[in-house]
């Protein structure tokens, strides 16, 4: 059986335990092998080709049992050792993992269980591992595995503790976020209430003032219409007075000296009629100016109404934004609650892992 993994670094778990053992060619005699065993005390001798490729092994115990039998020395000492060697020894590479080497050695048949394991490097003979060495390797591997297990447990425990710390920090942040969301909700609700209240009051006052202004403008317009009628009557009266004055002057001229006083009166009446006409003209001009002012006031009133409508639209949009903000805060509140639920699950699982690690440490 050959276990070989080429191109890898030597397995640090067993290659330092490899022992040197003599190796001989296939043509070496049994006598030569016996002398080597007696000189070196080695547990095994490896049989190799001239290129140092392993072809078999000769175990000390089995070799002396065979040559110690009746006629054994006569049969084997003068002949090649290939007649005595085990042609299927367990051969492994120095790159083979220690666990694989131990498993292969311990799974051998009873008759070869205690035979050394031959180790090669790049296909050439390197040394042997005795069963004692294999047990040492196995024990060291178990110790290393136990140390790695304990280290993994401590690392896992440390990671769980860090996770718990992060979870608690997350809980703190979530609670702070929850408080902030509640404050935002309260502030948003209060702002919306105040805005609705003040906007309602402002709109009511503005509407009332606009209605009163409209009534004043309509009343002023009707008064101006009346003034225009009076001015027309005055103008007509002035014109008739002027006509009567002309007729009076004509009649005064006919009666000569007897109508002088009447002529004077007619002259004064004519002067008064002219004055009335002038004042009536001024009144008409003033009325025209008032009408122009009223038209400007009406235009300004319409502009204010349009601005009021725009203001109402802006306020409604502000209310919609506040409602969206309120909904966003509510969603954040729900997300915080969901995060709390997930964090509670994480804490429960972390506690379970911690308890399992603690039990594993107690068992170890």
Protein backbone atom coordinates (compact mmCIF):
# COMPACT_ATOMS: atom_id res chain seq x y z
CA UNK A 1 0.00 0.00 0.00
CA UNK A 2 1.42 3.38 -1.00
CA UNK A 3 0.16 6.79 0.13
CA UNK A 4 1.94 9.54 -1.76
CA UNK A 5 1.08 13.21 -2.22
CA UNK A 6 3.72 14.90 -4.33
CA UNK A 7 4.35 18.60 -4.68
CA UNK A 8 3.28 19.44 -1.11
CA UNK A 9 5.21 20.58 1.96
CA UNK A 10 6.19 17.83 4.43
CA UNK A 11 3.58 17.04 7.05
CA UNK A 12 4.84 18.76 10.19
CA UNK A 13 2.89 16.28 12.33
CA UNK A 14 5.10 13.22 11.74
CA UNK A 15 8.06 13.72 9.41
CA UNK A 16 10.30 14.83 12.31
CA UNK A 17 9.68 11.39 13.92
CA UNK A 18 11.01 9.47 10.91
CA UNK A 19 13.92 7.19 11.85
CA UNK A 20 16.79 6.07 9.68
CA UNK A 21 16.83 2.37 8.87
CA UNK A 22 19.33 0.50 6.66
CA UNK A 23 18.29 -0.30 3.11
CA UNK A 24 19.71 -3.09 0.92
CA UNK A 25 19.35 -4.13 -2.70
CA UNK A 26 17.18 -7.08 -3.70
CA UNK A 27 20.26 -9.25 -4.35
CA UNK A 28 21.56 -8.87 -0.78
CA UNK A 29 21.84 -12.24 0.99
CA UNK A 30 20.13 -13.27 4.16
CA UNK A 31 23.51 -13.51 5.86
CA UNK A 32 24.23 -9.85 5.07
CA UNK A 33 20.84 -8.82 6.40
CA UNK A 34 21.41 -10.79 9.63
CA UNK A 35 24.72 -9.00 10.14
CA UNK A 36 23.02 -5.62 9.60
CA UNK A 37 20.34 -6.43 12.15
CA UNK A 38 22.96 -7.52 14.66
CA UNK A 39 25.03 -4.38 14.07
CA UNK A 40 22.25 -1.74 13.98
CA UNK A 41 19.49 -3.28 16.10
CA UNK A 42 17.02 -1.77 13.63
CA UNK A 43 13.40 -2.97 13.72
CA UNK A 44 13.34 -3.30 9.93
CA UNK A 45 15.51 -3.17 6.83
CA UNK A 46 14.11 -1.69 3.61
CA UNK A 47 14.79 -3.37 0.27
CA UNK A 48 15.26 -0.86 -2.58
CA UNK A 49 16.17 -0.72 -6.23
CA UNK A 50 19.40 0.97 -7.31
CA UNK A 51 17.30 4.13 -7.71
CA UNK A 52 16.24 3.78 -4.05
CA UNK A 53 12.65 2.93 -4.92
CA UNK A 54 11.08 0.80 -2.17
CA UNK A 55 10.20 -2.76 -3.23
CA UNK A 56 9.78 -4.41 0.18
CA UNK A 57 10.70 -4.62 3.85
CA UNK A 58 12.31 -7.19 6.16
CA UNK A 59 11.04 -6.99 9.75
CA UNK A 60 13.57 -7.97 12.45
CA UNK A 61 11.19 -10.13 14.46
CA UNK A 62 9.82 -12.09 11.51
CA UNK A 63 13.28 -12.51 9.88
CA UNK A 64 14.81 -14.23 12.91
CA UNK A 65 11.69 -16.38 13.36
CA UNK A 66 12.09 -17.68 9.79
CA UNK A 67 15.79 -18.36 9.91
CA UNK A 68 15.42 -19.85 13.39
CA UNK A 69 13.17 -22.58 12.13
CA UNK A 70 14.58 -26.04 11.25
CA UNK A 71 16.66 -25.70 8.13
CA UNK A 72 15.80 -21.95 8.04
CA UNK A 73 19.38 -20.77 8.14
CA UNK A 74 20.40 -23.24 5.46
CA UNK A 75 17.51 -22.16 3.25
CA UNK A 76 17.72 -18.36 3.51
CA UNK A 77 21.09 -17.07 4.72
CA UNK A 78 22.87 -17.77 1.47
CA UNK A 79 20.05 -16.66 -0.79
CA UNK A 80 18.66 -13.21 -1.81
CA UNK A 81 16.49 -11.47 0.79
CA UNK A 82 13.74 -11.01 -1.82
CA UNK A 83 12.59 -14.47 -0.73
CA UNK A 84 11.97 -13.22 2.80
CA UNK A 85 10.81 -9.64 2.28
CA UNK A 86 7.24 -8.29 2.56
CA UNK A 87 6.46 -7.14 -0.95
CA UNK A 88 3.45 -4.99 0.11
CA UNK A 89 4.58 -2.84 3.02
CA UNK A 90 2.74 0.36 3.93
CA UNK A 91 4.61 3.14 2.14
CA UNK A 92 3.72 6.82 2.70
CA UNK A 93 5.11 10.10 1.53
CA UNK A 94 6.47 12.75 3.87
CA UNK A 95 3.74 14.98 2.40
CA UNK A 96 0.90 12.71 3.49
CA UNK A 97 -1.24 14.15 6.30
CA UNK A 98 -0.51 12.54 9.65
CA UNK A 99 -4.14 11.56 10.19
CA UNK A 100 -4.14 9.57 6.93
CA UNK A 101 -0.88 7.83 7.90
CA UNK A 102 -2.22 6.83 11.32
CA UNK A 103 -5.55 5.64 9.88
CA UNK A 104 -3.78 3.51 7.26
CA UNK A 105 -1.34 2.02 9.80
CA UNK A 106 -4.05 1.18 12.35
CA UNK A 107 -6.27 -0.44 9.74
CA UNK A 108 -3.64 -3.01 8.70
CA UNK A 109 -4.12 -6.76 9.37
CA UNK A 110 -3.02 -8.19 12.71
CA UNK A 111 0.04 -9.96 11.26
CA UNK A 112 1.48 -6.66 9.93
CA UNK A 113 -0.02 -4.30 12.52
CA UNK A 114 3.28 -3.72 14.35
CA UNK A 115 5.42 -3.47 11.19
CA UNK A 116 7.16 -0.13 10.63
CA UNK A 117 5.77 2.24 8.00
CA UNK A 118 8.16 3.10 5.20
CA UNK A 119 8.45 6.84 4.38
CA UNK A 120 9.52 8.18 0.99
CA UNK A 121 10.34 11.62 -0.31
CA UNK A 122 9.80 12.32 -3.99
CA UNK A 123 9.45 8.57 -4.58
CA UNK A 124 12.81 7.66 -2.98
CA UNK A 125 13.35 5.92 0.32
CA UNK A 126 13.52 8.37 3.26
CA UNK A 127 13.13 6.38 6.54
CA UNK A 128 10.66 4.45 8.68
CA UNK A 129 8.05 5.11 11.36
CA UNK A 130 7.61 2.54 14.13
CA UNK A 131 4.28 1.79 15.75
CA UNK A 132 5.53 3.67 18.80
CA UNK A 133 6.21 6.70 16.62
CA UNK A 134 2.76 6.42 15.09
CA UNK A 135 1.11 6.32 18.50
CA UNK A 136 3.13 9.39 19.50
CA UNK A 137 2.04 11.15 16.30
CA UNK A 138 -1.57 10.15 16.98
CA UNK A 139 -1.40 11.42 20.55
CA UNK A 140 0.19 14.70 19.41
CA UNK A 141 -2.46 15.08 16.73
CA UNK A 142 -5.17 14.54 19.33
CA UNK A 143 -3.52 17.08 21.62
CA UNK A 144 -3.30 19.56 18.78
CA UNK A 145 -6.94 18.90 17.85
CA UNK A 146 -7.95 19.39 21.49
CA UNK A 147 -5.99 22.63 21.67
CA UNK A 148 -7.54 23.78 18.42
CA UNK A 149 -10.98 22.82 19.74
CA UNK A 150 -10.44 24.76 22.95
CA UNK A 151 -9.04 27.69 21.02
CA UNK A 152 -12.04 27.58 18.69
CA UNK A 153 -14.36 27.48 21.71
CA UNK A 154 -12.66 30.47 23.28
CA UNK A 155 -12.72 32.33 19.99
CA UNK A 156 -16.39 31.45 19.53
CA UNK A 157 -17.13 32.58 23.08
CA UNK A 158 -15.25 35.82 22.47
CA UNK A 159 -17.13 36.34 19.20
CA UNK A 160 -20.47 35.68 20.93
CA UNK A 161 -19.56 38.18 23.65
CA UNK A 162 -18.65 40.75 21.01
CA UNK A 163 -21.92 40.02 19.21
CA UNK A 164 -23.82 40.47 22.47
CA UNK A 165 -21.98 43.75 23.05
CA UNK A 166 -22.87 44.91 19.55
CA UNK A 167 -26.45 43.78 20.11
CA UNK A 168 -26.69 45.79 23.33
CA UNK A 169 -25.21 48.79 21.56
CA UNK A 170 -27.76 48.31 18.81
CA UNK A 171 -30.51 48.10 21.42
CA UNK A 172 -29.29 51.37 22.95
CA UNK A 173 -29.24 53.02 19.53
CA UNK A 174 -32.66 51.57 18.71
CA UNK A 175 -34.12 52.86 21.96
CA UNK A 176 -32.64 56.29 21.29
CA UNK A 177 -34.07 56.16 17.77
CA UNK A 178 -37.40 55.08 19.22
CA UNK A 179 -37.42 58.05 21.61
CA UNK A 180 -36.45 60.38 18.77
CA UNK A 181 -39.23 58.97 16.59
CA UNK A 182 -41.77 59.50 19.39
CA UNK A 183 -40.55 63.07 19.85
CA UNK A 184 -40.73 63.64 16.09
CA UNK A 185 -44.26 62.26 16.06
CA UNK A 186 -45.29 64.53 18.93
CA UNK A 187 -43.60 67.56 17.36
CA UNK A 188 -45.14 66.84 13.96
CA UNK A 189 -48.60 66.43 15.45
CA UNK A 190 -48.24 69.62 17.50
CA UNK A 191 -46.95 71.55 14.47
CA UNK A 192 -49.82 70.29 12.34
CA UNK A 193 -52.36 71.26 15.03
CA UNK A 194 -50.87 74.74 15.47
CA UNK A 195 -50.66 75.24 11.71
CA UNK A 196 -54.27 74.17 11.18
CA UNK A 197 -55.45 76.43 14.01
CA UNK A 198 -53.57 79.55 12.93
CA UNK A 199 -54.27 79.00 9.25
CA UNK A 200 -57.98 78.68 9.98
CA UNK A 201 -57.95 81.90 12.01
CA UNK A 202 -55.95 83.80 9.39
CA UNK A 203 -58.17 82.58 6.57
CA UNK A 204 -61.32 83.49 8.50
CA UNK A 205 -60.02 87.01 9.26
CA UNK A 206 -58.82 87.47 5.72
CA UNK A 207 -62.12 86.29 4.27
CA UNK A 208 -64.10 88.55 6.62
CA UNK A 209 -61.91 91.56 5.75
CA UNK A 210 -62.17 90.78 2.05
CA UNK A 211 -65.96 90.58 2.28
CA UNK A 212 -66.14 93.87 4.20
CA UNK A 213 -63.82 95.48 1.66
CA UNK A 214 -66.06 94.24 -1.15
CA UNK A 215 -69.12 95.71 0.61
CA UNK A 216 -67.32 99.05 1.10
CA UNK A 217 -66.30 99.14 -2.56
CA UNK A 218 -69.82 98.35 -3.71
CA UNK A 219 -71.29 101.03 -1.37
CA UNK A 220 -68.73 103.57 -2.56
CA UNK A 221 -69.50 102.73 -6.18
CA UNK A 222 -73.23 103.27 -5.59
CA UNK A 223 -72.53 106.61 -3.86
CA UNK A 224 -70.38 107.68 -6.78
CA UNK A 225 -73.17 106.77 -9.18
CA UNK A 226 -75.49 108.99 -7.13
CA UNK A 227 -72.93 111.80 -7.14
CA UNK A 228 -72.61 111.49 -10.90
CA UNK A 229 -76.40 111.90 -11.20
CA UNK A 230 -76.36 114.99 -9.00
CA UNK A 231 -73.46 116.45 -10.98
CA UNK A 232 -75.41 115.92 -14.19
CA UNK A 233 -78.45 117.68 -12.67
CA UNK A 234 -76.24 120.56 -11.53
CA UNK A 235 -74.73 120.82 -14.97
CA UNK A 236 -78.21 120.86 -16.52
CA UNK A 237 -79.32 123.45 -13.98
CA UNK A 238 -76.29 125.61 -14.75
CA UNK A 239 -77.03 125.38 -18.46
CA UNK A 240 -80.66 126.38 -17.97
CA UNK A 241 -79.59 129.24 -15.69
CA UNK A 242 -77.21 130.45 -18.37
CA UNK A 243 -80.01 130.32 -20.94
CA UNK A 244 -82.40 132.17 -18.65
CA UNK A 245 -79.71 134.77 -18.01
CA UNK A 246 -79.33 135.41 -21.75
CA UNK A 247 -83.11 135.76 -22.12
CA UNK A 248 -83.17 138.13 -19.13
CA UNK A 249 -80.46 140.28 -20.66
CA UNK A 250 -82.36 140.43 -23.90
CA UNK A 251 -85.57 141.52 -22.12
CA UNK A 252 -83.65 144.05 -20.01
CA UNK A 253 -82.25 145.60 -23.16
CA UNK A 254 -85.75 146.01 -24.54
CA UNK A 255 -87.06 147.97 -21.53
CA UNK A 256 -83.95 150.17 -21.50
CA UNK A 257 -83.52 152.13 -18.29
CA UNK A 258 -86.31 150.34 -16.52
CA UNK A 259 -84.52 147.02 -16.79
CA UNK A 260 -81.06 147.98 -15.53
CA UNK A 261 -81.52 146.42 -12.13
CA UNK A 262 -82.85 143.29 -13.71
CA UNK A 263 -79.82 143.23 -15.99
CA UNK A 264 -77.51 143.42 -13.02
CA UNK A 265 -79.28 140.49 -11.44
CA UNK A 266 -79.15 138.58 -14.69
CA UNK A 267 -75.41 139.24 -14.91
CA UNK A 268 -74.87 137.92 -11.42
CA UNK A 269 -77.00 134.89 -12.17
CA UNK A 270 -74.95 134.31 -15.30
CA UNK A 271 -71.74 134.55 -13.25
CA UNK A 272 -73.17 132.13 -10.69
CA UNK A 273 -74.16 129.70 -13.45
CA UNK A 274 -70.63 129.77 -14.81
CA UNK A 275 -69.24 129.09 -11.37
CA UNK A 276 -71.67 126.20 -10.89
CA UNK A 277 -70.70 124.79 -14.27
CA UNK A 278 -67.00 125.00 -13.33
CA UNK A 279 -67.62 123.29 -10.00
CA UNK A 280 -69.77 120.66 -11.68
CA UNK A 281 -66.96 120.02 -14.14
CA UNK A 282 -64.51 119.68 -11.24
CA UNK A 283 -66.92 117.29 -9.52
CA UNK A 284 -67.11 115.20 -12.69
CA UNK A 285 -63.33 115.07 -12.93
CA UNK A 286 -63.08 114.06 -9.28
CA UNK A 287 -65.67 111.35 -9.86
CA UNK A 288 -63.64 110.04 -12.82
CA UNK A 289 -60.55 109.89 -10.60
CA UNK A 290 -62.53 108.11 -7.87
CA UNK A 291 -63.76 105.59 -10.40
CA UNK A 292 -60.16 105.00 -11.52
CA UNK A 293 -59.08 104.53 -7.90
CA UNK A 294 -61.99 102.13 -7.29
CA UNK A 295 -61.00 100.11 -10.36
CA UNK A 296 -57.44 99.91 -9.00
CA UNK A 297 -58.78 98.84 -5.60
CA UNK A 298 -60.91 96.18 -7.25
CA UNK A 299 -57.88 94.94 -9.23
CA UNK A 300 -55.79 94.91 -6.06
CA UNK A 301 -58.60 93.07 -4.29
CA UNK A 302 -58.62 90.43 -7.02
CA UNK A 303 -54.82 90.13 -6.71
CA UNK A 304 -55.17 89.62 -2.96
CA UNK A 305 -57.83 86.98 -3.55
CA UNK A 306 -55.51 85.17 -5.98
CA UNK A 307 -52.67 85.39 -3.45
CA UNK A 308 -55.04 84.05 -0.82
CA UNK A 309 -55.92 81.10 -3.02
CA UNK A 310 -52.20 80.47 -3.64
CA UNK A 311 -51.52 80.72 0.09
CA UNK A 312 -54.26 78.18 0.76
CA UNK A 313 -52.64 75.85 -1.78
CA UNK A 314 -49.22 76.27 -0.14
CA UNK A 315 -50.72 75.58 3.27
CA UNK A 316 -52.48 72.50 1.97
CA UNK A 317 -49.19 71.31 0.48
CA UNK A 318 -47.49 71.96 3.83
CA UNK A 319 -50.20 69.88 5.50
CA UNK A 320 -49.58 67.06 3.01
CA UNK A 321 -45.83 67.23 3.72
CA UNK A 322 -46.52 67.08 7.45
CA UNK A 323 -48.80 64.08 6.91
CA UNK A 324 -46.07 62.35 4.89
CA UNK A 325 -43.55 63.16 7.62
CA UNK A 326 -45.95 61.76 10.20
CA UNK A 327 -46.38 58.57 8.13
CA UNK A 328 -42.58 58.29 7.77
CA UNK A 329 -42.17 58.63 11.52
CA UNK A 330 -44.79 55.95 12.06
CA UNK A 331 -42.94 53.62 9.68
CA UNK A 332 -39.68 54.33 11.52
CA UNK A 333 -41.45 53.51 14.76
CA UNK A 334 -42.60 50.17 13.30
CA UNK A 335 -39.09 49.44 12.00
CA UNK A 336 -37.64 50.10 15.45
CA UNK A 337 -40.17 47.71 16.98
CA UNK A 338 -39.30 45.05 14.39
CA UNK A 339 -35.59 45.61 15.09
CA UNK A 340 -36.27 45.10 18.79
CA UNK A 341 -38.00 41.80 18.02
CA UNK A 342 -35.09 40.58 15.85
CA UNK A 343 -32.55 41.71 18.44
CA UNK A 344 -34.40 39.73 21.10
CA UNK A 345 -34.16 36.65 18.88
CA UNK A 346 -30.43 37.25 18.36
CA UNK A 347 -29.90 37.58 22.11
CA UNK A 348 -31.74 34.31 22.75
CA UNK A 349 -29.66 32.48 20.11
CA UNK A 350 -26.43 34.04 21.43
CA UNK A 351 -27.28 32.84 24.93
CA UNK A 352 -27.89 29.35 23.60
CA UNK A 353 -24.52 29.37 21.83
CA UNK A 354 -22.82 30.67 24.99
CA UNK A 355 -24.41 27.91 27.07
CA UNK A 356 -23.33 25.28 24.54
CA UNK A 357 -19.77 26.62 24.57
CA UNK A 358 -19.76 26.61 28.37
CA UNK A 359 -20.97 23.01 28.46
CA UNK A 360 -18.34 22.00 25.91
CA UNK A 361 -15.62 23.65 28.00
CA UNK A 362 -16.85 21.84 31.11
CA UNK A 363 -16.81 18.52 29.26
CA UNK A 364 -13.27 19.17 28.10
